[in-house]
N, C-alpha and C. Protein backbone atom coordinates (compact mmCIF):
# COMPACT_ATOMS: atom_id res chain seq x y z
N MET A 1 183.10 -51.65 307.04
CA MET A 1 182.38 -51.02 305.96
C MET A 1 182.52 -51.91 304.74
N THR A 2 181.42 -52.27 304.12
CA THR A 2 181.43 -53.13 302.94
C THR A 2 181.03 -52.32 301.72
N LEU A 3 181.80 -52.49 300.66
CA LEU A 3 181.49 -51.82 299.40
C LEU A 3 180.52 -52.69 298.62
N SER A 4 179.64 -52.06 297.85
CA SER A 4 178.66 -52.87 297.12
C SER A 4 178.25 -52.25 295.79
N ASP A 5 179.22 -51.81 295.01
CA ASP A 5 178.85 -51.30 293.69
C ASP A 5 179.59 -52.09 292.61
N GLY A 6 178.86 -52.90 291.90
CA GLY A 6 179.42 -53.67 290.79
C GLY A 6 180.50 -54.63 291.22
N GLN A 7 181.66 -54.51 290.58
CA GLN A 7 182.74 -55.46 290.83
C GLN A 7 183.35 -55.33 292.22
N ASP A 8 183.08 -54.24 292.91
CA ASP A 8 183.60 -54.06 294.26
C ASP A 8 182.74 -54.77 295.31
N GLU A 9 181.66 -55.39 294.87
CA GLU A 9 180.76 -56.03 295.81
C GLU A 9 181.52 -57.01 296.69
N GLY A 10 181.30 -56.88 297.96
CA GLY A 10 181.94 -57.76 298.92
C GLY A 10 183.29 -57.27 299.41
N MET A 11 183.86 -56.26 298.78
CA MET A 11 185.14 -55.71 299.25
C MET A 11 184.87 -54.94 300.54
N GLU A 12 185.69 -55.16 301.52
CA GLU A 12 185.50 -54.50 302.80
C GLU A 12 186.69 -53.59 303.09
N ILE A 13 186.39 -52.37 303.49
CA ILE A 13 187.44 -51.44 303.91
C ILE A 13 187.70 -51.70 305.38
N GLU A 14 188.91 -52.07 305.68
CA GLU A 14 189.30 -52.39 307.06
C GLU A 14 190.24 -51.33 307.60
N GLU A 15 190.16 -51.12 308.88
CA GLU A 15 191.07 -50.19 309.55
C GLU A 15 192.14 -51.01 310.26
N ARG A 16 193.39 -50.64 310.04
CA ARG A 16 194.51 -51.36 310.64
C ARG A 16 195.54 -50.36 311.14
N SER A 17 196.39 -50.82 312.03
CA SER A 17 197.53 -49.99 312.44
C SER A 17 198.78 -50.86 312.41
N TYR A 18 199.89 -50.21 312.09
CA TYR A 18 201.17 -50.90 311.95
C TYR A 18 202.27 -50.08 312.59
N ARG A 19 203.20 -50.73 313.24
CA ARG A 19 204.46 -50.08 313.61
C ARG A 19 205.27 -49.98 312.33
N ARG A 20 206.18 -49.04 312.28
CA ARG A 20 206.95 -48.80 311.06
C ARG A 20 207.56 -50.07 310.46
N PRO A 21 208.21 -50.94 311.24
CA PRO A 21 208.83 -52.12 310.61
C PRO A 21 207.83 -53.09 310.00
N ASP A 22 206.57 -53.01 310.42
CA ASP A 22 205.56 -53.96 309.97
C ASP A 22 204.66 -53.42 308.86
N LEU A 23 204.86 -52.18 308.44
CA LEU A 23 204.04 -51.60 307.39
C LEU A 23 204.24 -52.39 306.10
N PRO A 24 203.16 -52.95 305.53
CA PRO A 24 203.32 -53.71 304.29
C PRO A 24 203.93 -52.85 303.18
N ARG A 25 204.83 -53.44 302.45
CA ARG A 25 205.54 -52.73 301.39
C ARG A 25 204.57 -52.15 300.35
N LEU A 26 203.54 -52.89 300.01
CA LEU A 26 202.58 -52.41 299.01
C LEU A 26 201.83 -51.17 299.51
N ILE A 27 201.51 -51.11 300.79
CA ILE A 27 200.85 -49.93 301.36
C ILE A 27 201.83 -48.75 301.34
N GLU A 28 203.06 -48.99 301.74
CA GLU A 28 204.08 -47.93 301.72
C GLU A 28 204.23 -47.36 300.32
N GLN A 29 204.25 -48.22 299.33
CA GLN A 29 204.42 -47.76 297.94
C GLN A 29 203.24 -46.89 297.51
N GLN A 30 202.04 -47.23 297.95
CA GLN A 30 200.87 -46.43 297.58
C GLN A 30 200.89 -45.06 298.25
N VAL A 31 201.39 -44.99 299.49
CA VAL A 31 201.55 -43.68 300.15
C VAL A 31 202.54 -42.84 299.36
N LEU A 32 203.65 -43.44 298.94
CA LEU A 32 204.65 -42.71 298.14
C LEU A 32 204.07 -42.27 296.80
N ASP A 33 203.31 -43.14 296.15
CA ASP A 33 202.70 -42.78 294.86
C ASP A 33 201.78 -41.57 295.02
N PHE A 34 200.98 -41.57 296.08
CA PHE A 34 200.11 -40.44 296.36
C PHE A 34 200.95 -39.18 296.55
N GLY A 35 202.03 -39.30 297.32
CA GLY A 35 202.91 -38.16 297.57
C GLY A 35 203.52 -37.58 296.31
N ARG A 36 203.93 -38.44 295.40
CA ARG A 36 204.52 -37.96 294.15
C ARG A 36 203.53 -37.10 293.35
N ILE A 37 202.25 -37.41 293.47
CA ILE A 37 201.23 -36.67 292.73
C ILE A 37 200.79 -35.42 293.48
N VAL A 38 200.50 -35.55 294.76
CA VAL A 38 199.90 -34.46 295.53
C VAL A 38 200.95 -33.56 296.19
N TRP A 39 201.99 -34.16 296.77
CA TRP A 39 203.03 -33.39 297.46
C TRP A 39 204.32 -33.45 296.65
N PHE A 40 204.20 -33.23 295.36
CA PHE A 40 205.32 -33.41 294.43
C PHE A 40 206.54 -32.57 294.78
N ASP A 41 206.33 -31.43 295.45
CA ASP A 41 207.48 -30.58 295.78
C ASP A 41 208.46 -31.31 296.69
N GLY A 42 208.01 -32.30 297.45
CA GLY A 42 208.90 -33.09 298.29
C GLY A 42 209.67 -34.14 297.51
N PHE A 43 209.37 -34.26 296.23
CA PHE A 43 210.03 -35.24 295.37
C PHE A 43 210.79 -34.58 294.22
N MET A 44 211.04 -33.28 294.34
CA MET A 44 211.63 -32.54 293.23
C MET A 44 213.15 -32.60 293.19
N THR A 45 213.78 -32.97 294.28
CA THR A 45 215.25 -32.95 294.31
C THR A 45 215.77 -34.38 294.34
N GLU A 46 216.74 -34.63 295.18
CA GLU A 46 217.37 -35.96 295.23
C GLU A 46 216.41 -37.07 295.63
N GLY A 47 215.27 -36.74 296.20
CA GLY A 47 214.33 -37.75 296.65
C GLY A 47 213.29 -38.16 295.62
N ARG A 48 213.38 -37.67 294.42
CA ARG A 48 212.28 -37.93 293.49
C ARG A 48 212.19 -39.37 293.03
N PHE A 49 213.26 -40.14 293.13
CA PHE A 49 213.22 -41.55 292.75
C PHE A 49 213.15 -42.49 293.94
N ARG A 50 212.99 -41.93 295.13
CA ARG A 50 212.99 -42.82 296.29
C ARG A 50 211.78 -43.74 296.28
N ASP A 51 212.02 -44.95 296.75
CA ASP A 51 210.94 -45.94 296.78
C ASP A 51 210.65 -46.41 298.20
N ARG A 52 211.18 -45.67 299.18
CA ARG A 52 210.89 -45.94 300.59
C ARG A 52 210.51 -44.61 301.24
N MET A 53 209.65 -44.69 302.25
CA MET A 53 209.30 -43.50 303.01
C MET A 53 210.53 -43.06 303.80
N HIS A 54 210.52 -41.82 304.27
CA HIS A 54 211.65 -41.32 305.04
C HIS A 54 211.88 -42.19 306.27
N GLU A 55 213.13 -42.27 306.67
CA GLU A 55 213.47 -43.02 307.88
C GLU A 55 212.85 -42.33 309.08
N VAL A 56 212.17 -43.09 309.89
CA VAL A 56 211.55 -42.60 311.11
C VAL A 56 211.78 -43.66 312.19
N PRO A 57 211.60 -43.30 313.44
CA PRO A 57 211.79 -44.30 314.50
C PRO A 57 210.86 -45.51 314.32
N ASP A 58 211.32 -46.66 314.80
CA ASP A 58 210.52 -47.88 314.67
C ASP A 58 209.19 -47.80 315.41
N ASP A 59 209.10 -46.91 316.43
CA ASP A 59 207.82 -46.80 317.14
C ASP A 59 206.86 -45.81 316.50
N THR A 60 207.17 -45.39 315.27
CA THR A 60 206.21 -44.65 314.45
C THR A 60 205.03 -45.57 314.16
N THR A 61 203.82 -45.03 314.21
CA THR A 61 202.62 -45.83 313.98
C THR A 61 201.90 -45.33 312.74
N HIS A 62 201.52 -46.25 311.88
CA HIS A 62 200.75 -45.95 310.67
C HIS A 62 199.33 -46.44 310.89
N PHE A 63 198.37 -45.55 310.66
CA PHE A 63 196.96 -45.91 310.71
C PHE A 63 196.47 -45.94 309.27
N VAL A 64 195.82 -47.04 308.90
CA VAL A 64 195.50 -47.30 307.50
C VAL A 64 194.06 -47.76 307.38
N ARG A 65 193.41 -47.32 306.34
CA ARG A 65 192.16 -47.93 305.89
C ARG A 65 192.45 -48.47 304.49
N ALA A 66 192.14 -49.75 304.30
CA ALA A 66 192.44 -50.40 303.02
C ALA A 66 191.38 -51.46 302.73
N ALA A 67 191.18 -51.70 301.44
CA ALA A 67 190.34 -52.81 300.97
C ALA A 67 191.30 -53.83 300.40
N GLY A 68 191.57 -54.87 301.18
CA GLY A 68 192.60 -55.81 300.80
C GLY A 68 193.94 -55.09 300.77
N SER A 69 194.60 -55.11 299.62
CA SER A 69 195.89 -54.43 299.49
C SER A 69 195.76 -53.04 298.87
N VAL A 70 194.53 -52.58 298.65
CA VAL A 70 194.30 -51.27 298.04
C VAL A 70 194.14 -50.21 299.13
N LEU A 71 195.09 -49.29 299.18
CA LEU A 71 195.07 -48.23 300.18
C LEU A 71 193.94 -47.26 299.90
N VAL A 72 193.20 -46.93 300.95
CA VAL A 72 192.13 -45.95 300.88
C VAL A 72 192.58 -44.66 301.56
N SER A 73 193.12 -44.77 302.78
CA SER A 73 193.47 -43.61 303.58
C SER A 73 194.62 -43.97 304.52
N HIS A 74 195.41 -42.96 304.90
CA HIS A 74 196.61 -43.20 305.72
C HIS A 74 196.89 -41.99 306.60
N VAL A 75 197.35 -42.24 307.82
CA VAL A 75 197.86 -41.23 308.75
C VAL A 75 199.04 -41.85 309.49
N GLN A 76 200.09 -41.09 309.68
CA GLN A 76 201.29 -41.56 310.37
C GLN A 76 201.53 -40.70 311.60
N VAL A 77 201.94 -41.32 312.72
CA VAL A 77 202.31 -40.59 313.93
C VAL A 77 203.75 -40.94 314.28
N ILE A 78 204.61 -39.91 314.21
CA ILE A 78 206.04 -40.07 314.48
C ILE A 78 206.32 -39.51 315.88
N PRO A 79 206.96 -40.28 316.76
CA PRO A 79 207.35 -39.73 318.06
C PRO A 79 208.55 -38.80 317.87
N ILE A 80 208.42 -37.57 318.34
CA ILE A 80 209.45 -36.55 318.16
C ILE A 80 209.74 -35.91 319.51
N GLU A 81 211.02 -35.76 319.82
CA GLU A 81 211.43 -35.10 321.05
C GLU A 81 211.76 -33.64 320.73
N LEU A 82 211.13 -32.70 321.45
CA LEU A 82 211.38 -31.27 321.28
C LEU A 82 211.64 -30.64 322.64
N GLU A 83 212.36 -29.55 322.63
CA GLU A 83 212.56 -28.80 323.87
C GLU A 83 211.36 -27.88 324.07
N GLY A 84 210.71 -28.02 325.21
CA GLY A 84 209.56 -27.20 325.53
C GLY A 84 209.95 -25.95 326.28
N ARG A 85 208.94 -25.30 326.83
CA ARG A 85 209.15 -24.06 327.58
C ARG A 85 210.08 -24.29 328.78
N ASP A 86 209.84 -25.39 329.50
CA ASP A 86 210.66 -25.64 330.69
C ASP A 86 211.10 -27.09 330.85
N ARG A 87 210.87 -27.91 329.81
CA ARG A 87 211.29 -29.31 329.86
C ARG A 87 211.21 -29.91 328.47
N GLY A 88 211.79 -31.09 328.32
CA GLY A 88 211.67 -31.80 327.07
C GLY A 88 210.24 -32.27 326.86
N LEU A 89 209.80 -32.26 325.61
CA LEU A 89 208.45 -32.68 325.27
C LEU A 89 208.48 -33.85 324.31
N ARG A 90 207.52 -34.72 324.46
CA ARG A 90 207.33 -35.82 323.51
C ARG A 90 206.12 -35.44 322.65
N ILE A 91 206.37 -35.27 321.37
CA ILE A 91 205.36 -34.80 320.41
C ILE A 91 204.93 -35.97 319.52
N GLY A 92 203.66 -36.06 319.25
CA GLY A 92 203.16 -36.98 318.23
C GLY A 92 203.08 -36.21 316.93
N GLY A 93 204.08 -36.36 316.08
CA GLY A 93 204.14 -35.65 314.80
C GLY A 93 203.28 -36.37 313.77
N VAL A 94 202.14 -35.78 313.45
CA VAL A 94 201.21 -36.39 312.50
C VAL A 94 201.61 -35.99 311.09
N SER A 95 201.69 -36.97 310.20
CA SER A 95 202.07 -36.66 308.82
C SER A 95 201.45 -37.67 307.87
N SER A 96 201.66 -37.41 306.60
CA SER A 96 201.16 -38.28 305.52
C SER A 96 199.67 -38.57 305.68
N VAL A 97 198.92 -37.51 306.00
CA VAL A 97 197.46 -37.62 306.08
C VAL A 97 196.93 -37.58 304.66
N MET A 98 196.31 -38.66 304.21
CA MET A 98 195.85 -38.71 302.84
C MET A 98 194.70 -39.69 302.67
N THR A 99 193.84 -39.36 301.74
CA THR A 99 192.79 -40.27 301.27
C THR A 99 192.76 -40.15 299.76
N TYR A 100 192.80 -41.29 299.09
CA TYR A 100 192.71 -41.26 297.63
C TYR A 100 191.38 -40.63 297.21
N PRO A 101 191.39 -39.84 296.13
CA PRO A 101 190.19 -39.09 295.72
C PRO A 101 188.92 -39.94 295.57
N ALA A 102 189.03 -41.17 295.11
CA ALA A 102 187.84 -42.00 294.91
C ALA A 102 187.13 -42.32 296.22
N PHE A 103 187.81 -42.09 297.36
CA PHE A 103 187.24 -42.45 298.66
C PHE A 103 187.02 -41.24 299.56
N ARG A 104 187.16 -40.05 299.01
CA ARG A 104 187.00 -38.84 299.83
C ARG A 104 185.55 -38.60 300.20
N ASN A 105 185.37 -37.80 301.25
CA ASN A 105 184.05 -37.43 301.77
C ASN A 105 183.27 -38.63 302.31
N GLU A 106 183.99 -39.67 302.72
CA GLU A 106 183.37 -40.84 303.34
C GLU A 106 183.81 -40.99 304.80
N GLY A 107 184.63 -40.04 305.31
CA GLY A 107 185.02 -40.05 306.71
C GLY A 107 186.28 -40.84 307.04
N HIS A 108 187.03 -41.26 306.03
CA HIS A 108 188.20 -42.09 306.29
C HIS A 108 189.31 -41.34 307.03
N SER A 109 189.70 -40.18 306.53
CA SER A 109 190.74 -39.40 307.22
C SER A 109 190.28 -38.98 308.61
N THR A 110 189.02 -38.61 308.74
CA THR A 110 188.49 -38.22 310.04
C THR A 110 188.63 -39.37 311.04
N ALA A 111 188.24 -40.56 310.63
CA ALA A 111 188.35 -41.73 311.51
C ALA A 111 189.80 -42.02 311.89
N LEU A 112 190.70 -41.94 310.91
CA LEU A 112 192.10 -42.23 311.20
C LEU A 112 192.72 -41.15 312.07
N LEU A 113 192.34 -39.89 311.86
CA LEU A 113 192.86 -38.82 312.72
C LEU A 113 192.35 -38.97 314.15
N ARG A 114 191.14 -39.44 314.32
CA ARG A 114 190.65 -39.71 315.68
C ARG A 114 191.46 -40.83 316.32
N ARG A 115 191.75 -41.87 315.56
CA ARG A 115 192.61 -42.96 316.07
C ARG A 115 193.99 -42.43 316.42
N ALA A 116 194.55 -41.57 315.57
CA ALA A 116 195.87 -41.00 315.84
C ALA A 116 195.82 -40.14 317.10
N SER A 117 194.77 -39.35 317.28
CA SER A 117 194.63 -38.52 318.48
C SER A 117 194.53 -39.39 319.73
N ASP A 118 193.76 -40.46 319.66
CA ASP A 118 193.66 -41.39 320.78
C ASP A 118 195.02 -42.01 321.08
N HIS A 119 195.76 -42.34 320.05
CA HIS A 119 197.10 -42.92 320.20
C HIS A 119 198.04 -41.93 320.89
N ILE A 120 197.98 -40.68 320.48
CA ILE A 120 198.83 -39.65 321.09
C ILE A 120 198.53 -39.56 322.59
N GLY A 121 197.26 -39.58 322.96
CA GLY A 121 196.89 -39.54 324.36
C GLY A 121 197.26 -40.80 325.11
N ALA A 122 197.05 -41.96 324.50
CA ALA A 122 197.30 -43.24 325.16
C ALA A 122 198.79 -43.51 325.37
N THR A 123 199.62 -42.96 324.51
CA THR A 123 201.06 -43.17 324.64
C THR A 123 201.72 -42.06 325.46
N GLU A 124 200.89 -41.24 326.09
CA GLU A 124 201.33 -40.19 326.99
C GLU A 124 202.28 -39.19 326.33
N MET A 125 202.00 -38.88 325.09
CA MET A 125 202.72 -37.80 324.43
C MET A 125 202.15 -36.49 324.95
N ASP A 126 202.99 -35.45 324.98
CA ASP A 126 202.57 -34.16 325.52
C ASP A 126 201.63 -33.41 324.59
N LEU A 127 201.88 -33.51 323.30
CA LEU A 127 201.11 -32.77 322.29
C LEU A 127 201.10 -33.56 320.98
N GLY A 128 200.10 -33.26 320.16
CA GLY A 128 200.13 -33.66 318.77
C GLY A 128 200.48 -32.43 317.95
N MET A 129 201.15 -32.62 316.84
CA MET A 129 201.53 -31.49 315.99
C MET A 129 201.54 -31.97 314.54
N LEU A 130 201.06 -31.10 313.65
CA LEU A 130 201.10 -31.42 312.22
C LEU A 130 201.24 -30.15 311.41
N PHE A 131 201.64 -30.30 310.16
CA PHE A 131 201.77 -29.21 309.21
C PHE A 131 200.69 -29.39 308.15
N CYS A 132 200.06 -28.29 307.74
CA CYS A 132 199.02 -28.39 306.72
C CYS A 132 198.93 -27.09 305.93
N ASP A 133 198.20 -27.14 304.83
CA ASP A 133 197.90 -25.94 304.05
C ASP A 133 196.82 -25.14 304.77
N GLN A 134 196.77 -23.84 304.49
CA GLN A 134 195.75 -22.98 305.08
C GLN A 134 194.34 -23.50 304.80
N GLU A 135 194.14 -24.06 303.62
CA GLU A 135 192.80 -24.53 303.23
C GLU A 135 192.29 -25.67 304.09
N THR A 136 193.19 -26.45 304.69
CA THR A 136 192.76 -27.61 305.48
C THR A 136 192.66 -27.31 306.98
N VAL A 137 193.00 -26.10 307.39
CA VAL A 137 192.90 -25.72 308.80
C VAL A 137 191.51 -26.00 309.37
N PRO A 138 190.41 -25.61 308.70
CA PRO A 138 189.08 -25.87 309.27
C PRO A 138 188.80 -27.37 309.50
N PHE A 139 189.30 -28.21 308.61
CA PHE A 139 189.12 -29.66 308.77
C PHE A 139 189.74 -30.12 310.09
N TYR A 140 190.98 -29.73 310.35
CA TYR A 140 191.65 -30.14 311.59
C TYR A 140 191.01 -29.48 312.81
N GLU A 141 190.56 -28.25 312.68
CA GLU A 141 189.90 -27.57 313.81
C GLU A 141 188.65 -28.33 314.23
N ARG A 142 187.91 -28.87 313.29
CA ARG A 142 186.71 -29.65 313.63
C ARG A 142 187.06 -30.88 314.46
N LEU A 143 188.30 -31.33 314.38
CA LEU A 143 188.74 -32.52 315.11
C LEU A 143 189.50 -32.17 316.39
N GLY A 144 189.45 -30.88 316.80
CA GLY A 144 190.04 -30.49 318.07
C GLY A 144 191.44 -29.92 318.01
N TRP A 145 192.00 -29.78 316.82
CA TRP A 145 193.32 -29.19 316.65
C TRP A 145 193.17 -27.67 316.57
N HIS A 146 194.24 -26.94 316.89
CA HIS A 146 194.22 -25.48 316.71
C HIS A 146 195.54 -25.02 316.11
N ALA A 147 195.45 -23.94 315.33
CA ALA A 147 196.63 -23.42 314.61
C ALA A 147 197.45 -22.53 315.53
N LEU A 148 198.77 -22.69 315.43
CA LEU A 148 199.67 -21.76 316.11
C LEU A 148 199.80 -20.51 315.24
N ALA A 149 200.10 -19.40 315.87
CA ALA A 149 200.37 -18.18 315.11
C ALA A 149 201.49 -18.47 314.11
N HIS A 150 201.31 -17.99 312.89
CA HIS A 150 202.26 -18.30 311.82
C HIS A 150 203.70 -17.92 312.18
N ASP A 151 203.87 -16.79 312.88
CA ASP A 151 205.23 -16.34 313.22
C ASP A 151 205.80 -17.03 314.45
N ARG A 152 205.06 -17.96 315.03
CA ARG A 152 205.54 -18.65 316.23
C ARG A 152 206.45 -19.83 315.91
N VAL A 153 206.43 -20.29 314.66
CA VAL A 153 207.20 -21.47 314.26
C VAL A 153 208.17 -21.12 313.15
N ILE A 154 209.41 -21.49 313.33
CA ILE A 154 210.44 -21.32 312.31
C ILE A 154 210.93 -22.71 311.93
N VAL A 155 210.82 -23.04 310.64
CA VAL A 155 211.32 -24.32 310.14
C VAL A 155 212.60 -24.03 309.39
N GLN A 156 213.72 -24.48 309.93
CA GLN A 156 215.02 -24.13 309.37
C GLN A 156 215.21 -24.61 307.94
N GLU A 157 214.69 -25.78 307.59
CA GLU A 157 214.89 -26.29 306.23
C GLU A 157 214.06 -25.52 305.20
N ASN A 158 213.04 -24.78 305.66
CA ASN A 158 212.18 -24.05 304.74
C ASN A 158 211.58 -22.84 305.47
N PRO A 159 212.39 -21.81 305.74
CA PRO A 159 211.90 -20.69 306.54
C PRO A 159 210.79 -19.87 305.88
N ASP A 160 210.61 -19.98 304.58
CA ASP A 160 209.57 -19.23 303.88
C ASP A 160 208.28 -20.01 303.69
N SER A 161 208.18 -21.16 304.33
CA SER A 161 207.01 -22.02 304.16
C SER A 161 205.73 -21.30 304.60
N GLU A 162 204.68 -21.52 303.84
CA GLU A 162 203.36 -20.98 304.18
C GLU A 162 202.53 -22.00 304.96
N ASP A 163 203.11 -23.18 305.23
CA ASP A 163 202.38 -24.20 305.98
C ASP A 163 201.93 -23.67 307.33
N ARG A 164 200.78 -24.14 307.79
CA ARG A 164 200.29 -23.84 309.13
C ARG A 164 200.68 -24.99 310.04
N VAL A 165 201.00 -24.68 311.28
CA VAL A 165 201.29 -25.70 312.27
C VAL A 165 200.08 -25.81 313.18
N MET A 166 199.54 -27.02 313.24
CA MET A 166 198.37 -27.30 314.07
C MET A 166 198.83 -28.10 315.28
N VAL A 167 198.18 -27.85 316.41
CA VAL A 167 198.54 -28.51 317.66
C VAL A 167 197.30 -29.13 318.28
N LEU A 168 197.48 -30.31 318.85
CA LEU A 168 196.46 -30.97 319.63
C LEU A 168 196.97 -30.99 321.07
N GLY A 169 196.34 -30.23 321.95
CA GLY A 169 196.78 -30.14 323.33
C GLY A 169 197.14 -28.72 323.70
N ASP A 170 197.85 -28.58 324.80
CA ASP A 170 198.16 -27.27 325.39
C ASP A 170 199.45 -26.71 324.80
N ASP A 171 199.32 -25.74 323.88
CA ASP A 171 200.51 -25.18 323.24
C ASP A 171 201.31 -24.28 324.19
N ALA A 172 200.80 -24.02 325.41
CA ALA A 172 201.58 -23.25 326.39
C ALA A 172 202.82 -24.02 326.83
N LEU A 173 202.87 -25.33 326.56
CA LEU A 173 204.06 -26.12 326.86
C LEU A 173 205.22 -25.79 325.92
N LEU A 174 204.88 -25.22 324.75
CA LEU A 174 205.89 -24.90 323.74
C LEU A 174 206.53 -23.56 324.04
N PRO A 175 207.77 -23.36 323.59
CA PRO A 175 208.39 -22.04 323.75
C PRO A 175 207.64 -20.99 322.92
N ASP A 176 207.87 -19.72 323.23
CA ASP A 176 207.20 -18.64 322.50
C ASP A 176 207.50 -18.71 321.01
N THR A 177 208.74 -19.02 320.66
CA THR A 177 209.12 -19.26 319.27
C THR A 177 209.69 -20.66 319.19
N LEU A 178 209.07 -21.47 318.38
CA LEU A 178 209.46 -22.87 318.20
C LEU A 178 210.32 -22.98 316.95
N THR A 179 211.55 -23.39 317.11
CA THR A 179 212.45 -23.58 315.98
C THR A 179 212.59 -25.07 315.71
N LEU A 180 212.21 -25.47 314.50
CA LEU A 180 212.27 -26.86 314.11
C LEU A 180 213.26 -27.01 312.95
N GLY A 181 213.95 -28.12 312.90
CA GLY A 181 214.88 -28.36 311.82
C GLY A 181 214.18 -28.77 310.53
N TRP A 182 213.00 -29.37 310.66
CA TRP A 182 212.31 -29.91 309.50
C TRP A 182 210.82 -29.95 309.75
N SER A 183 210.06 -30.05 308.69
CA SER A 183 208.61 -30.26 308.82
C SER A 183 208.34 -31.71 308.42
N TRP A 184 207.43 -32.32 309.12
CA TRP A 184 207.18 -33.73 308.86
C TRP A 184 205.91 -33.91 308.14
């Protein structure tokens, strides 16, 4: 996709993916900057001055759309092991889904979420899972995700959370009540 308005002429938005150790520092900083503004509640305590994303496994994958070093949109898939109904499950924990406001309604998050969904399937993960606000549930539903019943998930670090848990795949693999230590 090539931009062509005034000084942006010739700038091209490229789609890239990175393993966690290879994520460019400048891109990571822009994801954190976005988080401080939009998800500020996650930066209200001891983490408010952090300049690195949370530690995640090295096989975490970041899907990015950027124009040069300018971040447009980002999605992260963290491999997470959970106990399922009758066996251990490998979950693709989707997080840090964001598009800067100047680039919204152009399909960037949609494209990256499709790439993330393909990645979850290609890496033979059992399910995809993400946390979102009630207002964004329809967006994820259009992409094939479905919401779990609110009382089906208990997040120990924040039991009063109003976040919705969305799943990509067969949620019958999950226990009737899913207890998680944290939301990603």
